[in-house]
């Protein structure tokens, strides 16, 4: 890994997106730079090297960008979690409440087996609602959650507290 590479330099701040008052952390400059992207994957995977990770799991869509190469880094399988109707085989579903409504996530019934060790990955940890739903879906499938890894954490939004006691690793922290 390239020591000292400041990955925050590759995250663009976009004020008032998607609505006024929101400061959006845009990762596309990081993704466009092969060295920064490689470094991000390596740093996200680093604490889990040497541990048994059977599957790396992510909810669509940006989580897939980081989870698939992390699965390769950790010699693990990659399992997608998707919105209803997107997976072509029988699924387990988890319904959960959001601030304004409800949502559902699905995983193939054979995606994660009972007792498998799963690492949950996403690009960003904000309030933690989606990752909490992923963890609960995996637990319902009998998986053991090794931890949750993120490129970015927006600490002031409390996501790490929401997904406790699951282990949280982030590369970049704001707030």
Protein backbone atom coordinates (compact mmCIF):
# COMPACT_ATOMS: atom_id res chain seq x y z
CA UNK A 1 0.00 0.00 0.00
CA UNK A 2 1.18 3.51 -0.75
CA UNK A 3 1.72 5.01 2.69
CA UNK A 4 0.64 8.59 3.08
CA UNK A 5 -1.74 8.75 0.10
CA UNK A 6 -4.42 11.21 1.23
CA UNK A 7 -7.61 9.63 -0.13
CA UNK A 8 -9.71 12.62 0.99
CA UNK A 9 -8.06 14.54 -1.86
CA UNK A 10 -9.99 12.31 -4.25
CA UNK A 11 -13.40 12.90 -2.66
CA UNK A 12 -15.18 15.92 -4.14
CA UNK A 13 -17.54 17.99 -1.99
CA UNK A 14 -20.72 18.93 -3.85
CA UNK A 15 -22.82 21.42 -1.87
CA UNK A 16 -26.62 21.37 -2.03
CA UNK A 17 -26.89 17.95 -3.68
CA UNK A 18 -29.30 16.21 -3.94
CA UNK A 19 -31.14 19.03 -2.16
CA UNK A 20 -30.28 22.32 -0.45
CA UNK A 21 -28.36 21.95 2.79
CA UNK A 22 -26.78 18.58 1.91
CA UNK A 23 -23.03 18.33 1.34
CA UNK A 24 -22.58 15.34 -0.97
CA UNK A 25 -19.29 13.42 -0.81
CA UNK A 26 -18.64 12.44 -4.44
CA UNK A 27 -16.34 9.42 -4.83
CA UNK A 28 -16.17 9.44 -8.65
CA UNK A 29 -12.76 11.22 -8.71
CA UNK A 30 -11.37 8.45 -6.47
CA UNK A 31 -12.86 5.75 -8.69
CA UNK A 32 -11.33 7.42 -11.78
CA UNK A 33 -7.82 7.28 -10.32
CA UNK A 34 -6.45 3.71 -10.40
CA UNK A 35 -3.90 4.32 -7.65
CA UNK A 36 -6.41 5.93 -5.28
CA UNK A 37 -9.05 3.27 -6.01
CA UNK A 38 -6.55 0.45 -5.43
CA UNK A 39 -5.39 2.09 -2.19
CA UNK A 40 -8.99 2.48 -0.99
CA UNK A 41 -9.71 -1.22 -1.60
CA UNK A 42 -6.51 -2.28 0.15
CA UNK A 43 -7.20 -0.07 3.17
CA UNK A 44 -10.80 -1.24 3.42
CA UNK A 45 -9.67 -4.88 3.33
CA UNK A 46 -6.60 -4.50 5.59
CA UNK A 47 -8.17 -5.18 9.01
CA UNK A 48 -9.83 -8.34 7.71
CA UNK A 49 -6.72 -9.96 6.18
CA UNK A 50 -5.80 -13.08 8.06
CA UNK A 51 -9.36 -13.51 9.33
CA UNK A 52 -11.70 -16.03 7.81
CA UNK A 53 -14.10 -14.15 5.55
CA UNK A 54 -16.24 -16.49 3.46
CA UNK A 55 -18.33 -13.88 1.66
CA UNK A 56 -18.25 -10.15 1.10
CA UNK A 57 -21.78 -8.79 0.92
CA UNK A 58 -23.06 -5.42 -0.30
CA UNK A 59 -26.34 -3.71 -1.05
CA UNK A 60 -26.75 -2.10 -4.45
CA UNK A 61 -25.38 -0.06 -6.02
CA UNK A 62 -22.26 1.79 -4.92
CA UNK A 63 -21.46 -0.91 -2.36
CA UNK A 64 -20.91 -3.32 -5.27
CA UNK A 65 -18.07 -1.11 -6.54
CA UNK A 66 -16.03 -1.78 -3.40
CA UNK A 67 -17.31 -5.19 -2.33
CA UNK A 68 -16.40 -7.14 -5.47
CA UNK A 69 -12.69 -6.16 -5.51
CA UNK A 70 -12.55 -6.62 -1.73
CA UNK A 71 -13.84 -10.17 -2.17
CA UNK A 72 -10.95 -10.82 -4.56
CA UNK A 73 -8.50 -9.22 -2.09
CA UNK A 74 -9.78 -11.42 0.74
CA UNK A 75 -10.16 -14.61 -1.34
CA UNK A 76 -13.87 -14.67 -0.56
CA UNK A 77 -17.07 -14.89 -2.55
CA UNK A 78 -19.17 -11.83 -3.39
CA UNK A 79 -22.91 -11.87 -2.67
CA UNK A 80 -25.19 -9.03 -3.81
CA UNK A 81 -28.14 -7.79 -1.79
CA UNK A 82 -30.72 -6.09 -3.98
CA UNK A 83 -34.08 -4.39 -4.08
CA UNK A 84 -37.12 -6.65 -4.68
CA UNK A 85 -37.47 -8.20 -8.12
CA UNK A 86 -33.82 -7.74 -9.15
CA UNK A 87 -32.50 -11.20 -8.29
CA UNK A 88 -33.42 -14.05 -10.68
CA UNK A 89 -33.70 -16.90 -8.15
CA UNK A 90 -35.55 -17.64 -4.91
CA UNK A 91 -34.77 -15.09 -2.20
CA UNK A 92 -34.88 -14.31 1.49
CA UNK A 93 -36.32 -10.85 2.13
CA UNK A 94 -36.02 -8.35 4.95
CA UNK A 95 -38.56 -5.52 5.32
CA UNK A 96 -37.50 -2.46 7.30
CA UNK A 97 -38.70 1.00 8.19
CA UNK A 98 -37.07 4.20 6.97
CA UNK A 99 -37.54 7.78 8.15
CA UNK A 100 -40.20 8.25 5.46
CA UNK A 101 -41.67 4.88 4.56
CA UNK A 102 -40.43 1.33 4.26
CA UNK A 103 -38.10 -0.69 2.08
CA UNK A 104 -37.13 -4.30 1.38
CA UNK A 105 -33.83 -6.00 0.64
CA UNK A 106 -33.39 -9.48 -0.84
CA UNK A 107 -30.61 -12.06 -1.06
CA UNK A 108 -30.60 -15.38 -2.92
CA UNK A 109 -31.57 -18.25 -0.63
CA UNK A 110 -28.26 -19.93 -1.45
CA UNK A 111 -26.20 -16.72 -1.30
CA UNK A 112 -25.04 -17.13 2.29
CA UNK A 113 -25.14 -20.42 4.13
CA UNK A 114 -25.70 -20.90 7.85
CA UNK A 115 -22.42 -20.34 9.72
CA UNK A 116 -20.62 -18.54 6.90
CA UNK A 117 -18.58 -15.52 7.93
CA UNK A 118 -19.78 -12.39 6.12
CA UNK A 119 -18.20 -8.95 5.73
CA UNK A 120 -20.69 -6.19 4.88
CA UNK A 121 -19.31 -3.45 2.62
CA UNK A 122 -20.61 -0.10 1.43
CA UNK A 123 -19.13 3.10 0.11
CA UNK A 124 -20.60 5.32 2.82
CA UNK A 125 -21.90 4.96 6.37
CA UNK A 126 -24.39 7.71 7.18
CA UNK A 127 -27.42 6.87 9.33
CA UNK A 128 -26.77 3.12 9.01
CA UNK A 129 -30.30 2.07 8.03
CA UNK A 130 -29.39 0.07 4.94
CA UNK A 131 -26.38 -1.61 6.55
CA UNK A 132 -28.42 -2.46 9.64
CA UNK A 133 -31.01 -4.09 7.35
CA UNK A 134 -28.23 -6.03 5.57
CA UNK A 135 -26.86 -7.26 8.90
CA UNK A 136 -30.30 -8.35 10.07
CA UNK A 137 -30.98 -10.14 6.78
CA UNK A 138 -27.63 -11.95 7.06
CA UNK A 139 -28.32 -12.87 10.68
CA UNK A 140 -31.72 -14.24 9.66
CA UNK A 141 -29.84 -16.43 7.13
CA UNK A 142 -27.59 -17.73 9.93
CA UNK A 143 -24.44 -15.88 8.83
CA UNK A 144 -21.81 -14.69 11.27
CA UNK A 145 -21.04 -11.02 10.65
CA UNK A 146 -17.27 -10.43 10.75
CA UNK A 147 -17.68 -6.66 10.45
CA UNK A 148 -18.76 -3.76 8.29
CA UNK A 149 -16.28 -1.83 6.10
CA UNK A 150 -16.78 1.56 4.48
CA UNK A 151 -14.74 3.97 2.43
CA UNK A 152 -16.37 6.95 4.17
CA UNK A 153 -18.14 7.46 7.49
CA UNK A 154 -20.21 10.57 8.22
CA UNK A 155 -19.79 10.18 11.98
CA UNK A 156 -22.19 12.95 12.99
CA UNK A 157 -25.11 10.92 11.57
CA UNK A 158 -24.59 8.08 14.05
CA UNK A 159 -24.52 5.07 11.74
CA UNK A 160 -21.81 3.25 13.70
CA UNK A 161 -23.95 3.40 16.83
CA UNK A 162 -26.95 2.10 14.93
CA UNK A 163 -25.13 -0.97 13.61
CA UNK A 164 -23.41 -1.77 16.92
CA UNK A 165 -22.27 -4.19 18.20
CA UNK A 166 -20.99 -5.01 14.71
CA UNK A 167 -17.36 -4.08 14.17
CA UNK A 168 -17.00 -0.97 11.99
CA UNK A 169 -13.99 -0.07 9.87
CA UNK A 170 -13.81 3.10 7.79
CA UNK A 171 -10.98 4.58 5.73
CA UNK A 172 -12.13 8.22 5.68
CA UNK A 173 -14.06 9.87 8.50
CA UNK A 174 -15.92 13.16 8.40
CA UNK A 175 -17.35 14.75 11.55
